[in-house]
Amino acid sequence: MKKILTILLILAGSYAFGQNKTQTVGVGPSIRLTGYTTYAFDDNHVDSYYSSTSYYSGNIQGGFQYGGGLEVMPFPGAGIEFTYLRLDSKADMLYYGVSSEKHTVFDMASNYLFLSFNKYVPVNPKVEPYAGLQLGMGIYNATNPENNNSGGSTKFAWGMKLGTNIWASEKIGIKLQANLISAVQAFGGSMYFGTGGAGAGVAGFSTFWQFSLGGGLVFKIK
């Protein structure tokens, strides 16, 4: 499913960025503020092997994701956006050892800081489709509620987004958006998962993927 969504977003983004560069969204540079509210779906395939007999497997649950963005459009049709997103969820993990299995549902917080490069393809003054590439970092923290052990990691993250702005007035619009975020080797190292010991560090890594749907409100402030 994630591969299909990735391919669709890549194709749609390539189409949007390949449109005629002479098309315009407005006149002159502008600044926009966006409030994001999306639903992030589960990542059901988080796992990592420490050895042939020791590994963890589980899923990162979805939930309500929120944040904000400040976008500067140096010329019509293109924007550079600074974005912050946060998701509070659960990590349902099962650790397999040589002679034991341990199950823990961790409390988890995911924070993202992105620099996005957005391309707009206006259909008319009211409808403004766009595609964007996001580069930045994911900051993760997991806490074991059974013993209050916690660990965190900061990893390179990237994403792709596809959506449209529907302008209700000259200054206020409704944003509809699909977003795919990935953090490379996000879990492992200092991110503590399910071994049951006192320490917070374990070896092994797993890449994280999460797809979200939603949108928010966008405001033209200049």
Protein backbone atom coordinates (compact mmCIF):
# COMPACT_ATOMS: atom_id res chain seq x y z
CA MET A 1 0.00 0.00 0.00
CA LYS A 2 2.81 2.44 0.92
CA LYS A 3 4.60 1.73 -2.35
CA ILE A 4 1.44 2.49 -4.34
CA LEU A 5 0.90 5.76 -2.45
CA THR A 6 4.54 6.72 -3.00
CA ILE A 7 4.30 6.10 -6.74
CA LEU A 8 1.06 8.10 -7.01
CA LEU A 9 2.50 11.05 -5.15
CA ILE A 10 5.69 11.00 -7.24
CA LEU A 11 3.73 10.92 -10.50
CA ALA A 12 1.36 13.66 -9.39
CA GLY A 13 4.21 15.79 -8.13
CA SER A 14 6.17 15.34 -11.36
CA TYR A 15 3.12 16.44 -13.34
CA ALA A 16 2.63 19.54 -11.21
CA PHE A 17 6.27 20.60 -11.32
CA GLY A 18 6.36 20.05 -15.07
CA GLN A 19 3.57 22.48 -15.87
CA ASN A 20 4.12 25.69 -17.80
CA LYS A 21 6.31 28.01 -15.70
CA THR A 22 4.60 31.08 -17.13
CA GLN A 23 1.41 30.31 -15.19
CA THR A 24 0.90 32.57 -12.20
CA VAL A 25 -0.89 32.48 -8.88
CA GLY A 26 -0.96 36.17 -8.19
CA VAL A 27 1.04 39.34 -8.67
CA GLY A 28 4.36 39.76 -6.88
CA PRO A 29 5.86 38.01 -3.83
CA SER A 30 3.56 36.96 -1.02
CA ILE A 31 3.60 35.42 2.47
CA ARG A 32 1.18 32.78 3.73
CA LEU A 33 0.40 31.21 7.09
CA THR A 34 -1.12 27.70 7.29
CA GLY A 35 -2.65 25.80 10.17
CA TYR A 36 -2.51 22.02 9.54
CA THR A 37 -4.93 19.40 10.88
CA THR A 38 -4.57 15.88 9.43
CA TYR A 39 -5.16 12.26 10.33
CA ALA A 40 -2.03 10.09 10.18
CA PHE A 41 -2.55 6.38 9.45
CA ASP A 42 -0.73 3.50 11.13
CA ASP A 43 2.68 2.28 10.03
CA ASN A 44 2.20 -1.47 10.43
CA HIS A 45 5.68 -2.64 9.50
CA VAL A 46 8.24 -1.38 11.99
CA ASP A 47 10.80 -4.08 12.77
CA SER A 48 14.51 -4.62 13.25
CA TYR A 49 16.83 -7.58 13.81
CA TYR A 50 19.64 -7.44 16.36
CA SER A 51 20.60 -11.04 15.54
CA SER A 52 18.98 -14.14 14.05
CA THR A 53 17.26 -14.81 17.39
CA SER A 54 16.67 -11.32 18.74
CA TYR A 55 14.43 -8.71 17.13
CA TYR A 56 11.39 -6.48 17.60
CA SER A 57 8.29 -6.08 15.46
CA GLY A 58 5.19 -3.96 15.70
CA ASN A 59 3.44 -0.83 14.50
CA ILE A 60 3.37 2.90 15.07
CA GLN A 61 -0.25 3.87 15.51
CA GLY A 62 -1.78 6.83 13.75
CA GLY A 63 -3.76 9.69 15.16
CA PHE A 64 -4.45 13.40 14.98
CA GLN A 65 -1.51 15.38 13.60
CA TYR A 66 -1.33 19.15 13.84
CA GLY A 67 1.05 21.99 13.15
CA GLY A 68 1.70 25.15 11.23
CA GLY A 69 3.62 26.56 8.32
CA LEU A 70 5.08 29.88 7.19
CA GLU A 71 5.46 30.11 3.41
CA VAL A 72 7.31 32.73 1.39
CA MET A 73 6.54 32.90 -2.32
CA PRO A 74 9.48 34.75 -3.94
CA PHE A 75 7.70 34.66 -7.30
CA PRO A 76 4.25 33.51 -8.46
CA GLY A 77 3.74 29.77 -8.66
CA ALA A 78 6.52 28.69 -6.27
CA GLY A 79 6.83 28.73 -2.49
CA ILE A 80 9.37 27.91 0.22
CA GLU A 81 7.66 26.82 3.44
CA PHE A 82 8.93 26.26 6.99
CA THR A 83 6.67 23.64 8.62
CA TYR A 84 6.27 22.13 12.09
CA LEU A 85 4.12 19.01 12.65
CA ARG A 86 3.41 16.94 15.77
CA LEU A 87 1.77 13.56 16.30
CA ASP A 88 1.08 11.99 19.73
CA SER A 89 0.40 8.27 19.35
CA LYS A 90 1.30 4.77 20.54
CA ALA A 91 3.94 2.25 19.48
CA ASP A 92 2.67 -1.33 19.89
CA MET A 93 5.84 -3.45 19.96
CA LEU A 94 6.67 -7.11 20.56
CA TYR A 95 10.26 -8.02 21.42
CA TYR A 96 11.47 -11.54 20.62
CA GLY A 97 14.46 -12.95 22.48
CA VAL A 98 16.08 -16.37 22.60
CA SER A 99 13.78 -17.63 25.34
CA SER A 100 11.23 -14.87 25.88
CA GLU A 101 8.73 -12.52 24.30
CA LYS A 102 7.81 -9.14 25.75
CA HIS A 103 4.96 -6.90 24.67
CA THR A 104 4.77 -3.18 25.41
CA VAL A 105 2.59 -0.33 24.13
CA PHE A 106 4.81 2.75 24.29
CA ASP A 107 3.68 6.36 24.49
CA MET A 108 5.19 8.10 21.51
CA ALA A 109 5.65 11.67 20.32
CA SER A 110 6.74 12.51 16.77
CA ASN A 111 7.85 16.03 15.86
CA TYR A 112 8.84 17.19 12.38
CA LEU A 113 10.67 20.27 11.17
CA PHE A 114 10.57 20.65 7.39
CA LEU A 115 11.69 22.99 4.66
CA SER A 116 9.22 22.48 1.81
CA PHE A 117 9.54 23.44 -1.83
CA ASN A 118 6.06 23.92 -3.28
CA LYS A 119 4.88 24.30 -6.87
CA TYR A 120 1.42 25.71 -7.64
CA VAL A 121 -0.64 25.11 -10.79
CA PRO A 122 -3.66 27.46 -10.69
CA VAL A 123 -6.87 26.21 -12.29
CA ASN A 124 -8.76 29.47 -11.68
CA PRO A 125 -8.66 32.25 -9.05
CA LYS A 126 -10.49 30.00 -6.55
CA VAL A 127 -8.77 26.60 -7.03
CA GLU A 128 -5.00 26.23 -6.66
CA PRO A 129 -3.56 22.67 -6.85
CA TYR A 130 0.02 22.14 -5.65
CA ALA A 131 2.72 19.56 -5.02
CA GLY A 132 5.66 19.80 -2.64
CA LEU A 133 8.89 18.14 -1.54
CA GLN A 134 9.78 18.28 2.17
CA LEU A 135 13.27 17.95 3.67
CA GLY A 136 14.17 18.19 7.35
CA MET A 137 14.26 16.18 10.55
CA GLY A 138 12.08 13.94 12.66
CA ILE A 139 12.42 14.15 16.46
CA TYR A 140 11.01 11.08 18.21
CA ASN A 141 10.52 10.12 21.84
CA ALA A 142 9.11 6.88 23.25
CA THR A 143 8.24 6.20 26.90
CA ASN A 144 7.53 2.81 28.45
CA PRO A 145 4.51 3.41 30.75
CA GLU A 146 5.32 0.28 32.75
CA ASN A 147 8.65 1.57 34.09
CA ASN A 148 8.88 5.17 32.77
CA ASN A 149 12.02 4.38 30.77
CA SER A 150 12.30 6.64 27.77
CA GLY A 151 14.51 7.24 24.79
CA GLY A 152 14.62 9.46 21.77
CA SER A 153 16.23 9.95 18.40
CA THR A 154 16.62 12.72 15.85
CA LYS A 155 16.82 11.57 12.23
CA PHE A 156 16.79 12.92 8.72
CA ALA A 157 13.20 12.99 7.41
CA TRP A 158 11.64 13.74 4.08
CA GLY A 159 8.15 13.86 2.64
CA MET A 160 5.94 14.54 -0.34
CA LYS A 161 2.62 16.34 -0.35
CA LEU A 162 -0.13 16.83 -2.88
CA GLY A 163 -3.21 18.97 -2.46
CA THR A 164 -5.18 22.05 -3.37
CA ASN A 165 -6.09 25.39 -1.86
CA ILE A 166 -9.71 26.49 -2.29
CA TRP A 167 -9.94 30.22 -1.71
CA ALA A 168 -13.11 31.28 0.11
CA SER A 169 -12.03 34.91 -0.14
CA GLU A 170 -9.04 36.90 -1.31
CA LYS A 171 -7.18 36.25 1.98
CA ILE A 172 -8.55 32.97 3.43
CA GLY A 173 -8.54 29.50 1.90
CA ILE A 174 -9.28 25.89 2.77
CA LYS A 175 -6.40 23.46 2.26
CA LEU A 176 -6.95 19.79 1.28
CA GLN A 177 -3.80 17.68 1.40
CA ALA A 178 -2.34 14.16 1.21
CA ASN A 179 1.10 13.75 2.80
CA LEU A 180 3.65 10.93 2.93
CA ILE A 181 6.47 11.24 5.50
CA SER A 182 9.47 8.96 5.99
CA ALA A 183 12.31 9.05 8.50
CA VAL A 184 15.37 6.98 7.61
CA GLN A 185 16.44 4.56 10.36
CA ALA A 186 14.28 6.42 12.85
CA PHE A 187 13.97 3.68 15.46
CA GLY A 188 16.89 2.01 17.15
CA GLY A 189 20.00 3.26 18.87
CA SER A 190 18.78 5.48 21.69
CA MET A 191 15.12 4.83 20.83
CA TYR A 192 14.13 2.27 23.46
CA PHE A 193 11.80 -0.52 22.37
CA GLY A 194 10.58 -3.42 24.42
CA THR A 195 13.62 -5.28 25.77
CA GLY A 196 12.42 -4.75 29.33
CA GLY A 197 15.79 -3.77 30.79
CA ALA A 198 16.76 -0.64 32.65
CA GLY A 199 18.71 0.91 29.79
CA ALA A 200 17.30 3.05 27.04
CA GLY A 201 19.66 2.02 24.25
CA VAL A 202 19.48 -1.00 21.96
CA ALA A 203 21.05 -1.77 18.59
CA GLY A 204 19.12 -2.07 15.34
CA PHE A 205 17.21 0.36 13.16
CA SER A 206 13.98 0.61 11.22
CA THR A 207 12.78 3.17 8.69
CA PHE A 208 9.45 4.84 9.40
CA TRP A 209 6.65 5.66 6.92
CA GLN A 210 3.39 7.46 7.61
CA PHE A 211 0.62 8.59 5.28
CA SER A 212 -1.82 11.32 6.30
CA LEU A 213 -4.94 12.99 4.90
CA GLY A 214 -6.48 16.27 5.92
CA GLY A 215 -5.74 19.91 5.38
CA GLY A 216 -6.35 23.10 7.27
CA LEU A 217 -6.68 26.83 6.74
CA VAL A 218 -4.34 29.06 4.77
CA PHE A 219 -4.09 32.84 5.15
CA LYS A 220 -2.50 35.36 2.82
CA ILE A 221 -0.84 37.98 4.99
CA LYS A 222 0.94 39.82 2.20
